[in-house]
Amino acid sequence: MRQITRQGGKVKAPEAPRISSVLRPADGAELEDDAILKGLRFDGYAFVGLEVEAVEADGCSFANTRFTGTSLRQTQFSDCQLDTCDFSQVSAADVSLIRSTVTGSRLTGSSWKSGTFRDVRLSGCVATSGMLRHMKIYTTLFEDCRLAGIDFQFTEFHNVKFVNCDMTGAQFGNAKVGSMRFENCTLLDVGGAAHLKGTTVAGPGSMELALSLAREAGVVFE
């Protein structure tokens, strides 16, 4: 049975977005194929149920914006701030977030495949029953997030940290871990725990994860 490290394992904090303090109002700018959105402020917009490909958002702010049920393909958000946004039921393929923050947002039931998170901070987000499969997640912080039932199968993690997150029932089958740390997280009934070699666990979750490892190894406690 593979072992999980329980102490140490410092990880680097994500870089902050490089975004101007003065942004131009979006003034009706649309989320559409091949759109280039640069230095814009979106507040209260609704991009619902769209099918969009090859969008580039650079140095933008999205607040109270709904992407519910939208399909995103080959899209990149760079140096963006996304606050109180709704990504519920979004289907995202080959979508990247680079040097961006996602705060107080919903990703419930969303599906992210084959994309990249690099220098991303997700704070106070809800992504229960979400899926981030075949992703590359680098230098990313999840803090105070509800991630119960999230599916991270086949995803690569390098320099990733989870703090005060509920990860009950999270799935890590076939994950590849370079460096990852859990601090004060709930790690009950985690699947694929044997693939978390290289992970550091601090706090009560260490015992919970050990039980998941034992279960996968076929150990029975009486």
Protein backbone atom coordinates (compact mmCIF):
# COMPACT_ATOMS: atom_id res chain seq x y z
CA MET A 1 0.00 0.00 0.00
CA ARG A 2 1.36 3.42 -0.95
CA GLN A 3 2.01 5.85 1.84
CA ILE A 4 0.72 9.38 2.22
CA THR A 5 3.11 11.95 3.72
CA ARG A 6 1.54 13.69 6.70
CA GLN A 7 3.86 16.59 7.43
CA GLY A 8 5.88 19.19 5.54
CA GLY A 9 5.34 19.57 1.83
CA LYS A 10 5.30 23.35 1.34
CA VAL A 11 3.74 24.53 -1.89
CA LYS A 12 4.18 27.83 -3.71
CA ALA A 13 1.30 30.33 -3.69
CA PRO A 14 -0.32 31.19 -7.04
CA GLU A 15 0.63 34.42 -8.75
CA ALA A 16 -2.01 37.16 -8.57
CA PRO A 17 -3.78 38.27 -11.75
CA ARG A 18 -2.07 41.07 -13.65
CA ILE A 19 -5.15 43.20 -14.11
CA SER A 20 -5.58 46.94 -14.45
CA SER A 21 -7.25 48.87 -11.61
CA VAL A 22 -9.29 50.68 -14.28
CA LEU A 23 -11.31 48.48 -16.64
CA ARG A 24 -13.61 49.51 -19.45
CA PRO A 25 -17.32 48.60 -19.11
CA ALA A 26 -18.14 45.67 -21.38
CA ASP A 27 -20.95 47.67 -23.03
CA GLY A 28 -22.69 44.70 -24.61
CA ALA A 29 -19.61 42.69 -25.55
CA GLU A 30 -20.64 39.13 -26.34
CA LEU A 31 -19.21 35.72 -25.52
CA GLU A 32 -19.02 34.32 -29.06
CA ASP A 33 -16.71 32.27 -31.26
CA ASP A 34 -13.21 33.74 -31.67
CA ALA A 35 -14.02 36.72 -29.43
CA ILE A 36 -11.07 38.58 -27.89
CA LEU A 37 -12.07 40.28 -24.63
CA LYS A 38 -9.37 42.50 -23.19
CA GLY A 39 -9.45 44.82 -20.17
CA LEU A 40 -13.24 44.67 -19.82
CA ARG A 41 -15.53 44.69 -16.77
CA PHE A 42 -18.59 42.42 -16.93
CA ASP A 43 -21.15 42.81 -14.15
CA GLY A 44 -24.48 40.99 -14.08
CA TYR A 45 -24.16 39.53 -17.56
CA ALA A 46 -25.89 36.28 -18.56
CA PHE A 47 -24.09 33.95 -21.00
CA VAL A 48 -26.52 31.06 -20.59
CA GLY A 49 -26.85 27.94 -22.75
CA LEU A 50 -24.36 29.09 -25.38
CA GLU A 51 -21.97 27.04 -27.53
CA VAL A 52 -18.72 28.96 -27.76
CA GLU A 53 -15.28 28.19 -29.18
CA ALA A 54 -11.86 29.86 -29.15
CA VAL A 55 -12.58 32.81 -26.82
CA GLU A 56 -9.68 34.74 -25.26
CA ALA A 57 -10.40 36.79 -22.13
CA ASP A 58 -7.36 38.75 -20.95
CA GLY A 59 -7.23 41.09 -17.96
CA CYS A 60 -11.02 41.05 -17.46
CA SER A 61 -13.30 41.13 -14.44
CA PHE A 62 -16.50 39.06 -14.32
CA ALA A 63 -18.87 39.75 -11.41
CA ASN A 64 -22.32 38.20 -10.84
CA THR A 65 -22.07 36.67 -14.29
CA ARG A 66 -23.95 33.54 -15.33
CA PHE A 67 -22.39 30.95 -17.64
CA THR A 68 -25.00 28.32 -16.70
CA GLY A 69 -25.28 25.42 -19.15
CA THR A 70 -22.82 26.95 -21.61
CA SER A 71 -20.41 24.84 -23.67
CA LEU A 72 -16.89 26.28 -23.86
CA ARG A 73 -14.23 24.91 -26.22
CA GLN A 74 -10.56 25.92 -26.63
CA THR A 75 -11.04 29.01 -24.48
CA GLN A 76 -8.61 30.81 -22.19
CA PHE A 77 -9.09 33.19 -19.26
CA SER A 78 -5.81 34.93 -18.44
CA ASP A 79 -5.27 37.47 -15.63
CA CYS A 80 -8.99 37.45 -14.86
CA GLN A 81 -11.08 37.92 -11.72
CA LEU A 82 -14.32 35.92 -11.53
CA ASP A 83 -16.44 36.86 -8.54
CA THR A 84 -19.83 35.34 -7.63
CA CYS A 85 -20.20 33.72 -11.02
CA ASP A 86 -22.36 30.71 -11.91
CA PHE A 87 -20.66 27.95 -13.90
CA SER A 88 -23.27 25.31 -12.99
CA GLN A 89 -23.68 22.60 -15.65
CA VAL A 90 -20.98 24.18 -17.82
CA SER A 91 -19.21 21.84 -20.27
CA ALA A 92 -15.62 23.02 -20.71
CA ALA A 93 -13.18 21.20 -23.01
CA ASP A 94 -9.60 22.39 -23.46
CA VAL A 95 -10.35 25.49 -21.36
CA SER A 96 -7.54 27.16 -19.42
CA LEU A 97 -7.43 29.52 -16.45
CA ILE A 98 -4.08 31.30 -16.11
CA ARG A 99 -3.19 33.68 -13.25
CA SER A 100 -6.84 34.05 -12.30
CA THR A 101 -9.03 34.10 -9.19
CA VAL A 102 -12.45 32.50 -8.80
CA THR A 103 -14.29 33.67 -5.67
CA GLY A 104 -17.70 32.74 -4.23
CA SER A 105 -18.72 31.00 -7.44
CA ARG A 106 -20.75 27.89 -8.29
CA LEU A 107 -19.36 25.09 -10.43
CA THR A 108 -21.97 22.51 -9.38
CA GLY A 109 -22.28 19.71 -11.90
CA SER A 110 -19.85 21.36 -14.30
CA SER A 111 -17.53 19.28 -16.48
CA TRP A 112 -13.96 20.38 -17.25
CA LYS A 113 -11.81 18.15 -19.47
CA SER A 114 -8.29 18.36 -20.90
CA GLY A 115 -7.69 21.96 -19.84
CA THR A 116 -5.16 23.70 -17.62
CA PHE A 117 -5.34 25.64 -14.34
CA ARG A 118 -2.08 27.52 -13.67
CA ASP A 119 -1.63 30.09 -10.90
CA VAL A 120 -5.32 29.91 -9.96
CA ARG A 121 -6.94 30.66 -6.59
CA LEU A 122 -10.45 29.32 -5.94
CA SER A 123 -11.97 30.68 -2.72
CA GLY A 124 -15.39 29.95 -1.20
CA CYS A 125 -16.56 28.07 -4.29
CA VAL A 126 -19.06 25.20 -4.57
CA ALA A 127 -18.19 22.45 -7.05
CA THR A 128 -20.11 19.48 -5.64
CA SER A 129 -20.49 16.64 -8.14
CA GLY A 130 -18.28 18.54 -10.57
CA MET A 131 -15.76 16.86 -12.86
CA LEU A 132 -12.19 17.99 -13.60
CA ARG A 133 -10.85 15.01 -15.56
CA HIS A 134 -7.66 14.81 -17.62
CA MET A 135 -6.79 18.30 -16.39
CA LYS A 136 -3.37 19.80 -15.67
CA ILE A 137 -3.61 21.70 -12.39
CA TYR A 138 -0.45 23.62 -11.52
CA THR A 139 0.28 26.09 -8.67
CA THR A 140 -3.36 26.28 -7.66
CA LEU A 141 -5.05 26.91 -4.30
CA PHE A 142 -8.52 25.66 -3.33
CA GLU A 143 -9.60 27.28 -0.06
CA ASP A 144 -12.90 27.06 1.86
CA CYS A 145 -14.49 25.19 -1.05
CA ARG A 146 -17.24 22.56 -1.06
CA LEU A 147 -15.94 19.80 -3.33
CA ALA A 148 -17.93 16.77 -2.16
CA GLY A 149 -18.16 14.16 -4.90
CA ILE A 150 -15.82 15.97 -7.25
CA ASP A 151 -14.12 13.82 -9.89
CA PHE A 152 -10.38 14.44 -10.41
CA GLN A 153 -9.66 11.17 -12.21
CA PHE A 154 -6.69 11.15 -14.65
CA THR A 155 -5.73 14.70 -13.59
CA GLU A 156 -2.15 15.91 -13.03
CA PHE A 157 -1.40 17.93 -9.89
CA HIS A 158 1.78 19.94 -9.38
CA ASN A 159 2.16 22.41 -6.52
CA VAL A 160 -1.53 22.28 -5.53
CA LYS A 161 -3.01 23.04 -2.10
CA PHE A 162 -6.45 22.39 -0.59
CA VAL A 163 -7.28 24.29 2.62
CA ASN A 164 -10.47 23.88 4.71
CA CYS A 165 -12.27 22.07 1.88
CA ASP A 166 -15.00 19.41 2.11
CA MET A 167 -13.78 16.66 -0.20
CA THR A 168 -16.07 13.87 0.95
CA GLY A 169 -16.29 11.23 -1.76
CA ALA A 170 -13.78 12.96 -4.06
CA GLN A 171 -12.36 10.67 -6.76
CA PHE A 172 -8.63 10.59 -7.63
CA GLY A 173 -8.38 7.39 -9.67
CA ASN A 174 -5.34 7.41 -12.00
CA ALA A 175 -4.35 10.89 -10.81
CA LYS A 176 -0.68 11.91 -11.17
CA VAL A 177 0.69 13.90 -8.25
CA GLY A 178 3.90 15.91 -8.38
CA SER A 179 3.27 17.83 -5.17
CA MET A 180 -0.02 18.39 -3.36
CA ARG A 181 -1.11 19.30 0.17
CA PHE A 182 -4.35 19.02 2.14
CA GLU A 183 -4.79 21.20 5.26
CA ASN A 184 -7.79 20.73 7.57
CA CYS A 185 -9.87 19.13 4.84
CA THR A 186 -12.63 16.54 5.14
CA LEU A 187 -11.37 13.47 3.28
CA LEU A 188 -14.00 10.84 4.04
CA ASP A 189 -14.63 8.06 1.49
CA VAL A 190 -12.05 9.35 -0.98
CA GLY A 191 -11.72 7.13 -4.06
CA GLY A 192 -8.40 6.39 -5.73
CA ALA A 193 -6.47 7.27 -2.57
CA ALA A 194 -3.70 4.88 -3.63
CA HIS A 195 -2.88 7.27 -6.49
CA LEU A 196 -2.07 10.16 -4.14
CA LYS A 197 1.58 9.27 -3.59
CA GLY A 198 3.48 12.52 -3.04
CA THR A 199 0.60 14.17 -1.19
CA THR A 200 0.99 15.82 2.23
CA VAL A 201 -1.93 15.77 4.69
CA ALA A 202 -2.14 18.02 7.74
CA GLY A 203 -5.00 17.95 10.23
CA PRO A 204 -7.82 15.47 10.89
CA GLY A 205 -8.09 14.47 7.22
CA SER A 206 -4.93 12.37 7.56
CA MET A 207 -6.81 9.67 9.47
CA GLU A 208 -9.76 9.80 7.09
CA LEU A 209 -7.49 9.34 4.09
CA ALA A 210 -5.66 6.50 5.82
CA LEU A 211 -9.00 4.70 6.19
CA SER A 212 -9.67 5.14 2.47
CA LEU A 213 -6.25 3.67 1.70
CA ALA A 214 -6.94 0.72 3.98
CA ARG A 215 -10.29 0.09 2.32
CA GLU A 216 -8.71 0.05 -1.13
CA ALA A 217 -6.08 -2.39 0.15
CA GLY A 218 -8.84 -4.71 1.34
CA VAL A 219 -8.17 -4.19 5.06
CA VAL A 220 -11.22 -4.90 7.23
CA PHE A 221 -11.55 -3.37 10.70
CA GLU A 222 -13.66 -5.15 13.29
